[in-house]
Amino acid sequence: MDKFELADILKKMYKDAKEGGSVVNIHLFGIRFVNEIKEFSSASEVVNLVGLKKSYSTEVSKGMKLANIFHPNEKEFEAIFNFPKQYQSILKPYLLYFEEFLNDLCIETDVSIKTIGLDTILSVEPKNKDEALEKIADALKAYLCAPIVAESVNIEQSLQMQTRLTKLYAQCKNLESKMMYKELSLKELGQKIELKDTIINESKRVLVEAGIDTNIITQNNTMLLESLQSIKINNKEVKKKTFLNSIKAKINIPEIFSGSLEIKRDKL
């Protein structure tokens, strides 16, 4: 969604309003699309794009304020994964470290993991209710790509990292060793796991376009990324394809361990 789509929705809601109900519909627009307005535009800009009177921006703002009353606790981020059964015990602990990684980025959160059927759900709730959930989404992109990039980091580079990145790098190397051991165990048992080619190819396409050397992209170090099904921001689902495409646009993947990590606000 972008500001032009928001303007189209407002225009339709305004035109479709029953007699005397145009202001009510403008309030409803502010309530329903409060997060999108904050993310992609502003009340005044959307009203201006529609060509309505400037005073209507106040009415949109009223709706946005009402949204905070109706949904005061609607501030949660979820990522849904479907891990190969044999790797669940290895991949879940890595996900749990995500809370400390966020804290190192000065994003204080409560992180929990639950399993429902075949799905592993990572839930993140900011302690600061003003914290943008899109920042958490960007942090997750870096976090899921980190095990891949760690393959190309040499010892000299690792010694020059900031503390928070050294900790992340250590987690990646620990994950790598466990994944290698599991792969060898499964090979001995004749239970080699192969993920769907369509998923692997889509992940590889995004990584290659982001500047990752194809030689370091393996099934083991991309399994987290490939197992991701979708994410939810305030109960609004973001498709995996959208999430992957936003990775190459917003995260400088090859430089995750370059000594600094800036999490930019993203628009999914």
Protein backbone atom coordinates (compact mmCIF):
# COMPACT_ATOMS: atom_id res chain seq x y z
CA MET A 1 0.00 0.00 0.00
CA ASP A 2 1.08 3.61 -0.59
CA LYS A 3 -0.38 7.10 -0.09
CA PHE A 4 -2.19 6.98 -3.44
CA GLU A 5 -4.00 3.76 -2.51
CA LEU A 6 -4.98 5.37 0.80
CA ALA A 7 -6.32 8.37 -1.12
CA ASP A 8 -8.37 6.07 -3.38
CA ILE A 9 -9.89 4.33 -0.35
CA LEU A 10 -10.77 7.64 1.31
CA LYS A 11 -12.30 8.95 -1.91
CA LYS A 12 -14.49 5.85 -2.27
CA MET A 13 -15.57 5.92 1.40
CA TYR A 14 -16.45 9.61 1.07
CA LYS A 15 -18.44 9.12 -2.15
CA ASP A 16 -20.22 5.98 -0.90
CA ALA A 17 -21.35 7.62 2.34
CA LYS A 18 -25.09 7.86 2.91
CA GLU A 19 -26.61 11.31 3.07
CA GLY A 20 -25.20 13.12 6.08
CA GLY A 21 -22.70 10.34 6.76
CA SER A 22 -19.60 11.59 4.94
CA VAL A 23 -17.88 12.80 8.12
CA VAL A 24 -18.64 9.49 9.86
CA ASN A 25 -17.00 7.61 7.01
CA ILE A 26 -13.97 9.88 7.21
CA HIS A 27 -13.70 9.02 10.91
CA LEU A 28 -13.97 5.31 10.04
CA PHE A 29 -11.20 5.74 7.48
CA GLY A 30 -8.93 7.16 10.19
CA ILE A 31 -9.81 4.29 12.55
CA ARG A 32 -9.33 1.49 10.02
CA PHE A 33 -6.16 2.78 8.39
CA VAL A 34 -4.41 4.53 11.28
CA ASN A 35 -1.23 2.46 10.92
CA GLU A 36 -1.06 2.84 7.14
CA ILE A 37 -1.60 6.63 7.36
CA LYS A 38 1.22 6.94 9.90
CA GLU A 39 3.48 4.69 7.83
CA PHE A 40 2.94 5.98 4.33
CA SER A 41 1.57 9.50 4.60
CA SER A 42 -0.33 11.91 6.89
CA ALA A 43 -3.95 12.91 7.38
CA SER A 44 -3.47 16.23 5.61
CA GLU A 45 -1.61 14.71 2.64
CA VAL A 46 -4.24 12.02 2.01
CA VAL A 47 -7.06 14.58 2.19
CA ASN A 48 -5.15 16.84 -0.20
CA LEU A 49 -4.63 13.96 -2.68
CA VAL A 50 -8.37 13.30 -2.71
CA GLY A 51 -9.12 16.97 -3.26
CA LEU A 52 -11.27 17.40 -0.16
CA LYS A 53 -11.45 20.51 2.01
CA LYS A 54 -8.41 20.95 4.26
CA SER A 55 -10.66 20.87 7.33
CA TYR A 56 -11.36 17.19 6.65
CA SER A 57 -7.81 16.34 7.68
CA THR A 58 -8.92 17.16 11.24
CA GLU A 59 -11.71 14.61 10.90
CA VAL A 60 -9.24 11.94 9.69
CA SER A 61 -7.03 12.75 12.69
CA LYS A 62 -10.02 12.34 15.01
CA GLY A 63 -10.54 8.85 13.61
CA MET A 64 -6.87 8.02 14.15
CA LYS A 65 -7.15 9.10 17.78
CA LEU A 66 -10.26 6.95 18.21
CA ALA A 67 -8.30 3.96 16.88
CA ASN A 68 -5.96 4.22 19.86
CA ILE A 69 -8.98 3.97 22.16
CA PHE A 70 -10.55 1.00 20.35
CA HIS A 71 -7.27 -0.90 19.91
CA PRO A 72 -4.92 0.26 22.69
CA ASN A 73 -2.97 -3.01 22.88
CA GLU A 74 -2.79 -3.82 19.19
CA LYS A 75 0.96 -3.56 18.97
CA GLU A 76 2.48 -6.92 18.15
CA PHE A 77 4.72 -8.43 15.53
CA GLU A 78 4.58 -12.09 14.52
CA ALA A 79 6.69 -14.19 12.19
CA ILE A 80 5.39 -17.62 11.19
CA PHE A 81 7.89 -20.35 10.32
CA ASN A 82 7.46 -23.93 9.14
CA PHE A 83 10.70 -25.70 10.08
CA PRO A 84 11.68 -29.18 8.89
CA LYS A 85 10.88 -31.37 11.90
CA GLN A 86 14.45 -32.64 12.26
CA TYR A 87 15.82 -29.08 12.60
CA GLN A 88 13.26 -27.55 14.98
CA SER A 89 15.36 -28.12 18.10
CA ILE A 90 18.27 -26.25 16.46
CA LEU A 91 16.44 -23.36 14.81
CA LYS A 92 14.13 -22.43 17.69
CA PRO A 93 16.97 -21.46 20.09
CA TYR A 94 18.41 -19.19 17.41
CA LEU A 95 15.04 -17.45 17.16
CA LEU A 96 14.96 -16.98 20.94
CA TYR A 97 18.22 -15.01 20.78
CA PHE A 98 16.35 -12.46 18.63
CA GLU A 99 15.16 -10.72 21.83
CA GLU A 100 18.72 -10.02 22.95
CA PHE A 101 19.64 -8.91 19.43
CA LEU A 102 16.78 -6.39 19.51
CA ASN A 103 17.87 -5.16 22.94
CA ASP A 104 21.39 -4.65 21.56
CA LEU A 105 19.77 -2.42 18.93
CA CYS A 106 18.04 -0.50 21.75
CA ILE A 107 14.65 -1.97 20.85
CA GLU A 108 13.27 -3.35 24.13
CA THR A 109 10.78 -6.15 23.58
CA ASP A 110 9.19 -9.26 24.99
CA VAL A 111 9.79 -12.22 22.68
CA SER A 112 8.01 -15.57 22.86
CA ILE A 113 7.89 -18.68 20.69
CA LYS A 114 5.00 -21.08 20.42
CA THR A 115 4.25 -24.08 18.22
CA ILE A 116 0.82 -24.58 16.67
CA GLY A 117 0.61 -27.66 14.48
CA LEU A 118 3.50 -27.45 12.02
CA ASP A 119 3.98 -23.72 12.55
CA THR A 120 6.53 -22.08 14.84
CA ILE A 121 5.37 -18.57 15.72
CA LEU A 122 7.78 -15.88 16.87
CA SER A 123 5.86 -13.14 18.71
CA VAL A 124 7.46 -9.80 19.53
CA GLU A 125 5.78 -7.12 21.63
CA PRO A 126 7.61 -3.80 22.10
CA LYS A 127 7.82 -2.55 25.68
CA ASN A 128 7.64 0.96 24.26
CA LYS A 129 4.24 1.19 22.56
CA ASP A 130 5.53 3.98 20.28
CA GLU A 131 8.19 1.68 18.82
CA ALA A 132 7.63 1.12 15.10
CA LEU A 133 6.96 -2.54 14.37
CA GLU A 134 8.54 -2.01 10.95
CA LYS A 135 11.89 -1.53 12.73
CA ILE A 136 11.43 -4.99 14.23
CA ALA A 137 10.66 -6.37 10.76
CA ASP A 138 13.88 -4.83 9.43
CA ALA A 139 15.84 -6.26 12.35
CA LEU A 140 14.40 -9.70 11.58
CA LYS A 141 15.56 -9.42 7.96
CA ALA A 142 19.10 -8.76 9.11
CA TYR A 143 18.85 -11.53 11.68
CA LEU A 144 17.65 -14.17 9.20
CA CYS A 145 20.32 -13.18 6.66
CA ALA A 146 23.14 -13.07 9.23
CA PRO A 147 23.91 -16.85 9.15
CA ILE A 148 24.42 -16.55 5.38
CA VAL A 149 26.68 -13.51 5.53
CA ALA A 150 28.69 -15.00 8.43
CA GLU A 151 30.12 -17.52 5.96
CA SER A 152 32.21 -14.79 4.32
CA VAL A 153 33.56 -13.14 7.50
CA ASN A 154 37.22 -13.82 8.23
CA ILE A 155 38.90 -13.85 11.64
CA GLU A 156 40.39 -10.36 11.24
CA GLN A 157 37.00 -8.90 10.41
CA SER A 158 35.35 -10.67 13.34
CA LEU A 159 37.87 -9.13 15.75
CA GLN A 160 36.95 -5.63 14.55
CA MET A 161 33.22 -6.00 15.09
CA GLN A 162 31.21 -4.04 17.60
CA THR A 163 30.20 -6.05 20.66
CA ARG A 164 26.59 -6.47 19.57
CA LEU A 165 27.69 -7.81 16.19
CA THR A 166 30.30 -10.10 17.74
CA LYS A 167 27.53 -11.66 19.81
CA LEU A 168 25.37 -12.14 16.72
CA TYR A 169 28.31 -13.59 14.80
CA ALA A 170 28.96 -16.09 17.60
CA GLN A 171 25.31 -17.18 17.46
CA CYS A 172 25.59 -17.65 13.69
CA LYS A 173 28.71 -19.79 13.97
CA ASN A 174 27.11 -21.86 16.73
CA LEU A 175 24.07 -22.39 14.51
CA GLU A 176 26.32 -23.33 11.59
CA SER A 177 28.14 -26.02 13.57
CA LYS A 178 24.88 -27.52 14.85
CA MET A 179 23.36 -27.53 11.36
CA MET A 180 26.44 -29.25 9.91
CA TYR A 181 26.35 -31.90 12.62
CA LYS A 182 22.65 -32.50 12.04
CA GLU A 183 23.17 -32.75 8.29
CA LEU A 184 25.88 -35.39 8.76
CA SER A 185 23.65 -37.33 11.17
CA LEU A 186 20.75 -37.30 8.74
CA LYS A 187 22.98 -38.38 5.87
CA GLU A 188 24.11 -41.38 7.88
CA LEU A 189 20.46 -42.25 8.49
CA GLY A 190 19.56 -41.64 4.85
CA GLN A 191 17.17 -38.83 5.81
CA LYS A 192 18.56 -35.90 3.88
CA ILE A 193 16.21 -32.93 3.99
CA GLU A 194 15.52 -31.06 0.78
CA LEU A 195 13.46 -27.90 0.77
CA LYS A 196 11.24 -27.00 -2.18
CA ASP A 197 13.22 -25.69 -5.14
CA THR A 198 10.74 -22.87 -5.70
CA ILE A 199 11.38 -21.52 -2.20
CA ILE A 200 15.14 -21.93 -2.48
CA ASN A 201 15.27 -20.25 -5.86
CA GLU A 202 13.22 -17.26 -4.66
CA SER A 203 15.45 -16.80 -1.60
CA LYS A 204 18.59 -17.13 -3.70
CA ARG A 205 17.29 -14.62 -6.24
CA VAL A 206 16.80 -12.01 -3.54
CA LEU A 207 20.18 -12.72 -1.94
CA VAL A 208 22.07 -12.61 -5.23
CA GLU A 209 20.38 -9.35 -6.22
CA ALA A 210 21.44 -7.98 -2.82
CA GLY A 211 25.08 -8.76 -3.61
CA ILE A 212 25.63 -12.10 -1.86
CA ASP A 213 28.20 -14.46 -3.36
CA THR A 214 26.36 -17.56 -4.60
CA ASN A 215 29.19 -19.75 -3.25
CA ILE A 216 28.19 -19.03 0.36
CA ILE A 217 24.46 -19.60 -0.12
CA THR A 218 23.70 -23.12 1.10
CA GLN A 219 20.57 -24.96 2.14
CA ASN A 220 21.78 -25.02 5.74
CA ASN A 221 22.43 -21.31 6.13
CA THR A 222 19.26 -20.28 4.29
CA MET A 223 16.91 -22.69 6.10
CA LEU A 224 15.65 -19.99 8.49
CA LEU A 225 14.87 -17.66 5.62
CA GLU A 226 13.31 -20.42 3.55
CA SER A 227 11.19 -21.68 6.43
CA LEU A 228 9.57 -18.28 6.94
CA GLN A 229 5.94 -18.38 5.78
CA SER A 230 4.70 -14.87 6.49
CA ILE A 231 4.77 -12.07 9.04
CA LYS A 232 1.98 -10.18 10.77
CA ILE A 233 2.14 -6.55 11.83
CA ASN A 234 -0.78 -5.59 14.07
CA ASN A 235 -2.60 -8.70 12.83
CA LYS A 236 -2.16 -7.60 9.22
CA GLU A 237 -0.44 -10.33 7.18
CA VAL A 238 2.55 -9.51 4.99
CA LYS A 239 3.23 -12.15 2.35
CA LYS A 240 6.65 -13.77 2.24
CA LYS A 241 7.33 -12.54 -1.30
CA THR A 242 6.73 -8.94 -0.21
CA PHE A 243 9.01 -9.46 2.78
CA LEU A 244 11.79 -10.98 0.65
CA ASN A 245 11.63 -8.22 -1.95
CA SER A 246 11.88 -5.59 0.77
CA ILE A 247 15.07 -7.23 2.06
CA LYS A 248 17.09 -6.32 -1.03
CA ALA A 249 15.65 -2.81 -0.97
CA LYS A 250 16.32 -1.92 2.66
CA ILE A 251 18.99 -4.15 4.18
CA ASN A 252 22.57 -3.94 2.96
CA ILE A 253 23.06 -7.66 3.44
CA PRO A 254 26.78 -7.98 2.58
CA GLU A 255 27.62 -5.34 5.22
CA ILE A 256 25.68 -6.74 8.18
CA PHE A 257 28.95 -7.54 9.96
CA SER A 258 30.92 -4.56 8.66
CA GLY A 259 31.10 -2.91 12.09
CA SER A 260 27.77 -1.12 12.22
CA LEU A 261 24.19 -2.10 11.75
CA GLU A 262 21.59 0.56 11.04
CA ILE A 263 18.00 -0.65 11.12
CA LYS A 264 16.04 1.60 8.81
CA ARG A 265 12.30 2.04 8.84
CA ASP A 266 10.80 -0.05 6.11
CA LYS A 267 7.52 0.09 4.24
CA LEU A 268 6.09 -3.36 3.69
